[in-house]
Amino acid sequence: SKLQQLKESFQSKLDEIILERDDAVDRLHQTKTELSMLKGRFSIMTEEFDRLKAEDSGKIPHSVHTAYITECRRLFEELKQRYEQDREVLLRKIAESSTDRTELENEISKLSCERETTKGKLSLLKEEIRSLKENVQK
């Protein structure tokens, strides 16, 4: 009978719809579980992002850091050049002082000899004066 066939056809169709509904419910539960997990991960990622953002806000920007390093290098090179110039000046002064010292030592030696010679002459002159005084008194 036709009614029986129609009933079986509807039952078959109903069974298919029930299976599809059960599959859809399973997929819905699975999707809700995944959504819950993703929300948790998103929350963790948001917290980490906020932490990194706060940490980063306390740092010097890369461009400023690079500019500081460039300026430090320039100042270091300038200081190095000034050091080399000062060193050359001091070495030149040391060489000049060494030459002056040698000349002064030679002058001291020469004057010491002259002094000793003059002392000797003075001593001889004193002797002569004493001798002349004695001769005059006699």
C-alpha atoms as a PDB file:
ATOM      1  CA  SER A   1       0.000   0.000   0.000  1.00  0.00           C
ATOM      2  CA  LYS A   2       0.606   3.383  -0.808  1.00  0.00           C
ATOM      3  CA  LEU A   3       0.140   4.705   2.685  1.00  0.00           C
ATOM      4  CA  GLN A   4       2.656   2.213   3.991  1.00  0.00           C
ATOM      5  CA  GLN A   5       5.174   3.257   1.344  1.00  0.00           C
ATOM      6  CA  LEU A   6       4.584   6.886   2.096  1.00  0.00           C
ATOM      7  CA  LYS A   7       4.989   6.194   5.817  1.00  0.00           C
ATOM      8  CA  GLU A   8       8.234   4.286   5.211  1.00  0.00           C
ATOM      9  CA  SER A   9       9.485   7.016   2.920  1.00  0.00           C
ATOM     10  CA  PHE A  10       8.744   9.641   5.584  1.00  0.00           C
ATOM     11  CA  GLN A  11      10.317   7.455   8.277  1.00  0.00           C
ATOM     12  CA  SER A  12      13.402   7.007   6.119  1.00  0.00           C
ATOM     13  CA  LYS A  13      13.569  10.716   5.478  1.00  0.00           C
ATOM     14  CA  LEU A  14      12.990  11.408   9.196  1.00  0.00           C
ATOM     15  CA  ASP A  15      15.818   9.007  10.099  1.00  0.00           C
ATOM     16  CA  GLU A  16      18.144  10.828   7.673  1.00  0.00           C
ATOM     17  CA  ILE A  17      17.147  14.199   9.138  1.00  0.00           C
ATOM     18  CA  ILE A  18      17.678  12.871  12.694  1.00  0.00           C
ATOM     19  CA  LEU A  19      21.144  11.595  11.699  1.00  0.00           C
ATOM     20  CA  GLU A  20      21.959  14.932  10.111  1.00  0.00           C
ATOM     21  CA  ARG A  21      20.682  16.719  13.229  1.00  0.00           C
ATOM     22  CA  ASP A  22      22.776  14.467  15.504  1.00  0.00           C
ATOM     23  CA  ASP A  23      25.833  15.132  13.327  1.00  0.00           C
ATOM     24  CA  ALA A  24      25.081  18.861  13.435  1.00  0.00           C
ATOM     25  CA  VAL A  25      24.699  18.711  17.250  1.00  0.00           C
ATOM     26  CA  ASP A  26      28.023  16.828  17.531  1.00  0.00           C
ATOM     27  CA  ARG A  27      29.716  19.376  15.273  1.00  0.00           C
ATOM     28  CA  LEU A  28      28.123  22.186  17.329  1.00  0.00           C
ATOM     29  CA  HIS A  29      29.503  20.707  20.581  1.00  0.00           C
ATOM     30  CA  GLN A  30      32.887  20.177  18.968  1.00  0.00           C
ATOM     31  CA  THR A  31      32.872  23.752  17.633  1.00  0.00           C
ATOM     32  CA  LYS A  32      31.849  25.116  21.052  1.00  0.00           C
ATOM     33  CA  THR A  33      34.721  23.185  22.659  1.00  0.00           C
ATOM     34  CA  GLU A  34      37.176  24.519  20.070  1.00  0.00           C
ATOM     35  CA  LEU A  35      35.770  28.035  20.553  1.00  0.00           C
ATOM     36  CA  SER A  36      36.239  27.746  24.315  1.00  0.00           C
ATOM     37  CA  MET A  37      39.843  26.557  23.836  1.00  0.00           C
ATOM     38  CA  LEU A  38      40.517  29.348  21.345  1.00  0.00           C
ATOM     39  CA  LYS A  39      39.058  31.923  23.754  1.00  0.00           C
ATOM     40  CA  GLY A  40      41.429  30.634  26.453  1.00  0.00           C
ATOM     41  CA  ARG A  41      44.406  30.804  24.097  1.00  0.00           C
ATOM     42  CA  PHE A  42      43.303  34.264  22.940  1.00  0.00           C
ATOM     43  CA  SER A  43      43.110  35.420  26.567  1.00  0.00           C
ATOM     44  CA  ILE A  44      46.625  34.099  27.258  1.00  0.00           C
ATOM     45  CA  MET A  45      47.941  35.692  24.061  1.00  0.00           C
ATOM     46  CA  THR A  46      46.264  39.010  24.960  1.00  0.00           C
ATOM     47  CA  GLU A  47      47.868  38.965  28.415  1.00  0.00           C
ATOM     48  CA  GLU A  48      51.271  38.153  26.900  1.00  0.00           C
ATOM     49  CA  PHE A  49      50.823  40.892  24.290  1.00  0.00           C
ATOM     50  CA  ASP A  50      49.919  43.424  27.005  1.00  0.00           C
ATOM     51  CA  ARG A  51      52.932  42.340  29.085  1.00  0.00           C
ATOM     52  CA  LEU A  52      55.274  42.655  26.091  1.00  0.00           C
ATOM     53  CA  LYS A  53      53.729  45.986  25.142  1.00  0.00           C
ATOM     54  CA  ALA A  54      54.231  47.318  28.691  1.00  0.00           C
ATOM     55  CA  GLU A  55      57.790  45.964  28.721  1.00  0.00           C
ATOM     56  CA  ASP A  56      58.471  47.505  25.321  1.00  0.00           C
ATOM     57  CA  SER A  57      57.107  50.906  26.346  1.00  0.00           C
ATOM     58  CA  GLY A  58      59.927  51.203  28.893  1.00  0.00           C
ATOM     59  CA  LYS A  59      62.566  50.637  26.248  1.00  0.00           C
ATOM     60  CA  ILE A  60      64.322  53.167  24.062  1.00  0.00           C
ATOM     61  CA  PRO A  61      63.125  53.048  20.450  1.00  0.00           C
ATOM     62  CA  HIS A  62      65.528  51.353  18.056  1.00  0.00           C
ATOM     63  CA  SER A  63      66.115  54.527  16.027  1.00  0.00           C
ATOM     64  CA  VAL A  64      67.001  56.500  19.173  1.00  0.00           C
ATOM     65  CA  HIS A  65      69.266  53.686  20.377  1.00  0.00           C
ATOM     66  CA  THR A  66      71.036  53.615  17.008  1.00  0.00           C
ATOM     67  CA  ALA A  67      71.450  57.409  17.075  1.00  0.00           C
ATOM     68  CA  TYR A  68      72.971  57.206  20.580  1.00  0.00           C
ATOM     69  CA  ILE A  69      75.410  54.518  19.492  1.00  0.00           C
ATOM     70  CA  THR A  70      76.410  56.550  16.430  1.00  0.00           C
ATOM     71  CA  GLU A  71      76.963  59.625  18.611  1.00  0.00           C
ATOM     72  CA  CYS A  72      79.021  57.595  21.112  1.00  0.00           C
ATOM     73  CA  ARG A  73      81.199  56.236  18.314  1.00  0.00           C
ATOM     74  CA  ARG A  74      81.717  59.741  16.920  1.00  0.00           C
ATOM     75  CA  LEU A  75      82.645  61.097  20.355  1.00  0.00           C
ATOM     76  CA  PHE A  76      84.958  58.134  20.948  1.00  0.00           C
ATOM     77  CA  GLU A  77      86.764  58.784  17.656  1.00  0.00           C
ATOM     78  CA  GLU A  78      87.023  62.476  18.517  1.00  0.00           C
ATOM     79  CA  LEU A  79      88.425  61.608  21.946  1.00  0.00           C
ATOM     80  CA  LYS A  80      90.857  59.154  20.380  1.00  0.00           C
ATOM     81  CA  GLN A  81      92.113  61.831  17.966  1.00  0.00           C
ATOM     82  CA  ARG A  82      92.476  64.346  20.786  1.00  0.00           C
ATOM     83  CA  TYR A  83      94.382  61.754  22.829  1.00  0.00           C
ATOM     84  CA  GLU A  84      96.757  61.089  19.914  1.00  0.00           C
ATOM     85  CA  GLN A  85      97.306  64.817  19.386  1.00  0.00           C
ATOM     86  CA  ASP A  86      97.952  65.392  23.104  1.00  0.00           C
ATOM     87  CA  ARG A  87     100.263  62.384  23.152  1.00  0.00           C
ATOM     88  CA  GLU A  88     102.265  63.747  20.205  1.00  0.00           C
ATOM     89  CA  VAL A  89     102.549  67.159  21.883  1.00  0.00           C
ATOM     90  CA  LEU A  90     103.727  65.562  25.132  1.00  0.00           C
ATOM     91  CA  LEU A  91     106.244  63.326  23.352  1.00  0.00           C
ATOM     92  CA  ARG A  92     107.597  66.364  21.528  1.00  0.00           C
ATOM     93  CA  LYS A  93     107.841  68.281  24.837  1.00  0.00           C
ATOM     94  CA  ILE A  94     109.608  65.307  26.448  1.00  0.00           C
ATOM     95  CA  ALA A  95     112.112  65.208  23.591  1.00  0.00           C
ATOM     96  CA  GLU A  96     112.656  68.976  23.858  1.00  0.00           C
ATOM     97  CA  SER A  97     112.996  68.734  27.646  1.00  0.00           C
ATOM     98  CA  SER A  98     115.481  65.914  27.279  1.00  0.00           C
ATOM     99  CA  THR A  99     117.557  68.022  24.879  1.00  0.00           C
ATOM    100  CA  ASP A 100     117.258  71.046  27.183  1.00  0.00           C
ATOM    101  CA  ARG A 101     118.255  68.907  30.163  1.00  0.00           C
ATOM    102  CA  THR A 102     121.346  67.625  28.384  1.00  0.00           C
ATOM    103  CA  GLU A 103     122.300  71.179  27.446  1.00  0.00           C
ATOM    104  CA  LEU A 104     121.661  72.376  31.020  1.00  0.00           C
ATOM    105  CA  GLU A 105     123.692  69.505  32.487  1.00  0.00           C
ATOM    106  CA  ASN A 106     126.560  70.410  30.153  1.00  0.00           C
ATOM    107  CA  GLU A 107     126.201  74.066  31.206  1.00  0.00           C
ATOM    108  CA  ILE A 108     126.202  73.052  34.890  1.00  0.00           C
ATOM    109  CA  SER A 109     129.287  70.941  34.354  1.00  0.00           C
ATOM    110  CA  LYS A 110     131.041  73.785  32.524  1.00  0.00           C
ATOM    111  CA  LEU A 111     130.055  76.333  35.208  1.00  0.00           C
ATOM    112  CA  SER A 112     131.135  73.931  37.968  1.00  0.00           C
ATOM    113  CA  CYS A 113     134.560  73.663  36.324  1.00  0.00           C
ATOM    114  CA  GLU A 114     134.744  77.454  35.979  1.00  0.00           C
ATOM    115  CA  ARG A 115     133.713  77.815  39.626  1.00  0.00           C
ATOM    116  CA  GLU A 116     136.385  75.398  40.782  1.00  0.00           C
ATOM    117  CA  THR A 117     138.965  77.196  38.627  1.00  0.00           C
ATOM    118  CA  THR A 118     137.792  80.552  39.984  1.00  0.00           C
ATOM    119  CA  LYS A 119     137.916  79.190  43.563  1.00  0.00           C
ATOM    120  CA  GLY A 120     141.464  78.063  42.927  1.00  0.00           C
ATOM    121  CA  LYS A 121     142.410  81.474  41.521  1.00  0.00           C
ATOM    122  CA  LEU A 122     140.673  83.195  44.463  1.00  0.00           C
ATOM    123  CA  SER A 123     142.577  81.038  46.873  1.00  0.00           C
ATOM    124  CA  LEU A 124     145.845  81.919  45.126  1.00  0.00           C
ATOM    125  CA  LEU A 125     144.945  85.605  45.136  1.00  0.00           C
ATOM    126  CA  LYS A 126     144.124  85.464  48.861  1.00  0.00           C
ATOM    127  CA  GLU A 127     147.509  83.862  49.462  1.00  0.00           C
ATOM    128  CA  GLU A 128     149.187  86.583  47.451  1.00  0.00           C
ATOM    129  CA  ILE A 129     147.310  89.296  49.352  1.00  0.00           C
ATOM    130  CA  ARG A 130     148.295  87.789  52.693  1.00  0.00           C
ATOM    131  CA  SER A 131     151.848  87.501  51.529  1.00  0.00           C
ATOM    132  CA  LEU A 132     151.853  91.099  50.323  1.00  0.00           C
ATOM    133  CA  LYS A 133     150.351  92.286  53.633  1.00  0.00           C
ATOM    134  CA  GLU A 134     153.050  90.485  55.530  1.00  0.00           C
ATOM    135  CA  ASN A 135     155.692  92.009  53.282  1.00  0.00           C
ATOM    136  CA  VAL A 136     154.225  95.469  53.695  1.00  0.00           C
ATOM    137  CA  GLN A 137     154.133  95.140  57.475  1.00  0.00           C
ATOM    138  CA  LYS A 138     157.784  94.171  57.638  1.00  0.00           C
END
